[in-house]
Protein backbone atom coordinates (compact mmCIF):
# COMPACT_ATOMS: atom_id res chain seq x y z
CA MET A 1 103.50 86.46 76.52
CA ASN A 2 100.19 84.91 75.51
CA GLN A 3 98.74 82.28 77.81
CA LYS A 4 99.26 78.73 76.61
CA VAL A 5 96.51 76.12 76.19
CA LEU A 6 97.08 72.38 75.79
CA ILE A 7 94.30 70.71 73.77
CA VAL A 8 94.05 66.94 74.27
CA ASP A 9 91.55 65.34 71.87
CA ASP A 10 91.77 62.54 69.32
CA GLU A 11 89.23 63.99 66.85
CA GLN A 12 91.08 66.07 64.25
CA SER A 13 87.99 68.11 63.31
CA ILE A 14 87.43 69.14 66.93
CA VAL A 15 91.10 69.93 67.45
CA THR A 16 91.17 72.15 64.35
CA LEU A 17 88.00 73.95 65.46
CA LEU A 18 89.30 74.48 68.99
CA GLN A 19 92.74 75.62 67.85
CA TYR A 20 91.29 78.17 65.47
CA ASN A 21 88.93 79.72 68.01
CA ILE A 22 91.29 79.59 70.99
CA GLU A 23 94.14 81.17 69.02
CA LYS A 24 91.72 83.76 67.61
CA ALA A 25 90.98 84.71 71.24
CA GLY A 26 94.68 85.47 71.77
CA PHE A 27 96.00 82.23 73.29
CA GLN A 28 98.85 80.00 72.17
CA THR A 29 97.93 76.34 71.67
CA GLU A 30 99.62 72.99 71.64
CA VAL A 31 97.94 69.69 70.77
CA ALA A 32 98.08 66.08 71.93
CA TYR A 33 95.99 63.34 70.29
CA THR A 34 96.25 60.58 72.93
CA GLY A 35 96.02 60.45 76.69
CA MET A 36 99.63 59.40 77.05
CA GLU A 37 100.86 62.20 74.81
CA GLY A 38 98.75 64.69 76.75
CA LEU A 39 100.09 63.44 80.08
CA GLU A 40 103.69 63.65 78.86
CA LYS A 41 103.27 67.20 77.56
CA ALA A 42 101.41 68.38 80.65
CA THR A 43 104.14 67.04 82.93
CA SER A 44 107.10 68.30 80.89
CA GLU A 45 105.88 71.73 79.77
CA ASN A 46 104.12 74.65 81.44
CA PHE A 47 100.55 75.41 80.37
CA ASP A 48 98.04 77.89 81.74
CA ILE A 49 95.11 75.53 81.17
CA ILE A 50 94.39 72.09 79.66
CA VAL A 51 91.33 71.30 77.51
CA LEU A 52 90.99 67.55 78.03
CA ASP A 53 88.65 65.12 76.27
CA LEU A 54 87.18 62.34 78.40
CA MET A 55 87.40 59.53 75.83
CA LEU A 56 90.97 59.18 74.55
CA PRO A 57 93.12 56.37 73.14
CA GLU A 58 95.88 54.87 75.32
CA LEU A 59 94.77 56.68 78.48
CA GLU A 60 91.32 58.07 79.27
CA GLY A 61 90.89 61.70 80.21
CA THR A 62 89.86 60.84 83.77
CA GLU A 63 93.12 58.91 84.26
CA VAL A 64 95.16 61.76 82.78
CA CYS A 65 93.46 64.15 85.20
CA LYS A 66 94.00 61.79 88.12
CA GLN A 67 97.69 61.28 87.39
CA LEU A 68 98.34 65.00 86.97
CA ARG A 69 96.81 65.76 90.35
CA GLN A 70 98.66 62.88 91.98
CA ARG A 71 101.89 64.43 90.68
CA GLN A 72 100.87 67.76 92.23
CA ILE A 73 100.46 69.41 88.81
CA ASP A 74 97.73 71.97 89.42
CA THR A 75 97.22 73.30 85.90
CA PRO A 76 93.48 74.08 85.53
CA ILE A 77 91.58 71.48 83.49
CA LEU A 78 88.47 71.96 81.36
CA MET A 79 87.12 68.49 80.61
CA LEU A 80 85.16 67.71 77.45
CA THR A 81 82.74 64.79 77.51
CA ALA A 82 80.35 63.24 75.01
CA LYS A 83 78.45 61.68 77.89
CA ASP A 84 75.71 63.78 79.44
CA ASP A 85 75.88 61.64 82.55
CA GLU A 86 75.85 63.03 86.08
CA PHE A 87 78.30 60.38 87.29
CA ASP A 88 80.86 61.39 84.68
CA LYS A 89 80.52 65.05 85.64
CA VAL A 90 80.96 64.38 89.36
CA LEU A 91 83.81 61.95 88.72
CA GLY A 92 85.67 64.52 86.65
CA LEU A 93 85.34 67.14 89.36
CA GLU A 94 86.34 64.64 92.05
CA LEU A 95 89.52 63.85 90.16
CA GLY A 96 90.49 67.49 89.99
CA ALA A 97 88.94 68.97 86.84
CA ASP A 98 87.94 72.61 87.23
CA ASP A 99 84.97 72.56 84.87
CA TYR A 100 83.45 70.48 82.07
CA LEU A 101 81.51 70.87 78.83
CA THR A 102 79.30 68.28 77.19
CA LYS A 103 79.60 67.68 73.44
CA PRO A 104 78.38 69.07 71.13
CA PHE A 105 79.51 72.50 72.29
CA SER A 106 80.04 75.94 70.82
CA PRO A 107 83.71 76.92 70.33
CA LYS A 108 82.79 80.32 71.77
CA GLU A 109 81.55 78.57 74.91
CA VAL A 110 84.89 76.75 75.23
CA VAL A 111 86.76 80.06 74.99
CA ALA A 112 84.39 81.65 77.51
CA ARG A 113 84.93 78.79 79.97
CA ILE A 114 88.71 78.98 79.52
CA LYS A 115 88.68 82.70 80.31
CA ALA A 116 86.38 82.18 83.31
CA ILE A 117 88.57 79.42 84.76
CA LEU A 118 91.72 81.52 84.32
CA ARG A 119 90.03 84.53 85.96
CA ARG A 120 89.01 82.40 88.95
CA THR A 121 92.47 80.85 89.21
CA ASN A 122 94.20 84.24 89.11
CA LYS A 123 91.76 85.68 91.62
CA ARG A 124 92.36 82.82 94.05
CA GLU A 125 96.12 83.25 93.74
CA ASN A 126 95.89 87.00 94.30
CA ILE A 127 93.69 86.85 97.39
CA LEU A 128 95.20 83.73 98.98
CA ASP A 129 96.16 84.55 102.56
CA LYS A 130 99.73 83.33 103.03
CA SER A 131 99.57 83.41 106.83
CA ILE A 132 100.17 80.08 108.55
CA ILE A 133 97.07 78.71 110.28
CA LYS A 134 97.37 76.56 113.40
CA ILE A 135 94.45 74.55 114.82
CA SER A 136 95.55 72.38 117.73
CA GLU A 137 98.20 70.03 116.30
CA LEU A 138 97.23 70.84 112.70
CA THR A 139 99.37 73.49 110.98
CA ILE A 140 98.39 74.73 107.51
CA TYR A 141 100.86 76.41 105.13
CA PRO A 142 98.82 78.18 102.41
CA ASP A 143 101.81 79.15 100.26
CA GLN A 144 103.02 75.54 100.06
CA TYR A 145 99.63 73.81 99.72
CA GLU A 146 100.69 71.62 102.62
CA ALA A 147 99.76 70.92 106.20
CA SER A 148 101.39 69.06 109.04
CA ILE A 149 100.38 67.30 112.22
CA LYS A 150 103.02 66.91 114.94
CA ASP A 151 105.66 67.98 112.39
CA GLN A 152 104.60 65.19 110.01
CA THR A 153 104.08 66.76 106.57
CA LEU A 154 100.86 65.90 104.74
CA SER A 155 100.28 66.38 101.02
CA PHE A 156 96.99 67.12 99.29
CA THR A 157 95.48 67.55 95.87
CA ARG A 158 94.70 71.18 95.07
CA LYS A 159 90.99 70.83 95.79
CA GLU A 160 91.57 68.90 99.01
CA PHE A 161 93.85 71.65 100.22
CA GLU A 162 91.51 74.46 99.17
CA LEU A 163 88.67 72.72 101.01
CA LEU A 164 90.83 72.29 104.12
CA LEU A 165 91.93 75.92 103.97
CA TYR A 166 88.38 77.20 103.54
CA LEU A 167 87.14 75.13 106.48
CA ALA A 168 90.07 76.32 108.61
CA LYS A 169 89.49 79.99 107.75
CA HIS A 170 85.88 79.56 108.87
CA LYS A 171 86.72 77.54 112.01
CA GLY A 172 83.72 77.17 114.29
CA LYS A 173 81.21 78.03 111.57
CA VAL A 174 78.83 75.48 110.10
CA LEU A 175 79.19 75.43 106.31
CA SER A 176 76.63 73.75 104.08
CA ARG A 177 77.69 71.44 101.27
CA ASP A 178 76.32 73.96 98.75
CA GLN A 179 78.44 76.72 100.32
CA LEU A 180 81.56 74.57 100.13
CA LEU A 181 80.86 73.50 96.55
CA SER A 182 80.41 77.12 95.49
CA ALA A 183 83.42 78.45 97.43
CA VAL A 184 85.97 75.74 96.61
CA TRP A 185 84.84 74.49 93.20
CA ASN A 186 83.24 77.76 92.05
CA TYR A 187 80.53 75.48 90.78
CA ASP A 188 76.77 75.27 91.11
CA PHE A 189 76.02 71.58 90.84
CA VAL A 190 72.45 71.50 92.06
CA GLY A 191 71.11 68.23 93.42
CA ASP A 192 74.36 66.35 94.06
CA THR A 193 76.97 67.54 96.52
CA ARG A 194 78.61 64.12 96.79
CA ILE A 195 81.88 65.63 95.61
CA VAL A 196 82.11 67.57 98.90
CA ASP A 197 81.52 64.44 100.99
CA VAL A 198 84.18 62.54 99.03
CA HIS A 199 86.78 65.26 99.57
CA VAL A 200 85.91 65.58 103.26
CA SER A 201 86.44 61.83 103.55
CA HIS A 202 89.86 62.18 101.89
CA LEU A 203 90.80 65.00 104.26
CA ARG A 204 89.77 62.98 107.30
CA GLU A 205 91.95 60.10 106.19
CA LYS A 206 94.92 62.49 106.24
CA ILE A 207 94.30 64.64 109.32
CA GLU A 208 92.05 62.74 111.71
CA PRO A 209 93.52 60.43 114.40
CA ASP A 210 90.40 58.26 114.03
CA THR A 211 88.26 58.66 110.90
CA LYS A 212 85.28 56.99 112.61
CA HIS A 213 85.33 59.67 115.30
CA PRO A 214 86.62 62.85 113.60
CA VAL A 215 87.74 65.66 115.89
CA TYR A 216 88.77 68.32 113.36
CA ILE A 217 86.07 68.19 110.68
CA LYS A 218 82.72 67.55 112.32
CA THR A 219 79.58 66.54 110.45
CA ILE A 220 76.62 68.66 111.52
CA ARG A 221 73.70 66.47 110.64
CA GLY A 222 71.28 68.04 108.19
CA LEU A 223 73.44 71.15 107.83
CA GLY A 224 76.98 70.47 106.66
CA TYR A 225 80.47 70.51 108.14
CA LYS A 226 82.38 72.49 110.73
CA MET A 227 86.10 72.74 111.49
CA GLU A 228 86.89 72.64 115.21
CA ALA A 229 89.96 72.76 117.46
CA PRO A 230 89.72 69.43 119.29
CA PHE A 231 92.05 70.38 122.16
């Protein structure tokens, strides 16, 4: 069965252009013209990837992305934005988007990005080590995208969990922000690695006994972060 793409955009001309080129590339498509409609379809149907415009009526693309990730819906998201603004790009990635394109764009570029995201997603799923990882009182379950501390289950967004898992698999090794951005987000965002710091902060809120004095994820000043076994 062909892979299914949900296109969420309120501009009919763009939707028509995207549908034509995406279907020509061998995908099935479905369309939503508002943020609310896109959210409803994404939560009630299965899609392989979502092409999501940033500026939408009823509910903005960033809010759609945020709500999907909060509901643990991990469908890859390619965000489209008319704003060539660094803040918007970082915000989209922070909220769980997998990649973004700035308008105007080439339909061929959209198809290429879709294929690249799906290749990365499939590769991650194929090579994901299912073995349980235990670091002191922290236990990580890769197949469930969950972790627990003292038998208390913790839940994460997909990117939070992938960051935690990557840090855990490299326990004791100092990892730079650029390394983490490349490994977890598959993204080269030169000049601003704030997205890594934000996600580390979110992880600390969930796993650290005291966020002011972290014992699991240590900051190595001037270098990056390191996962340690505190006891």
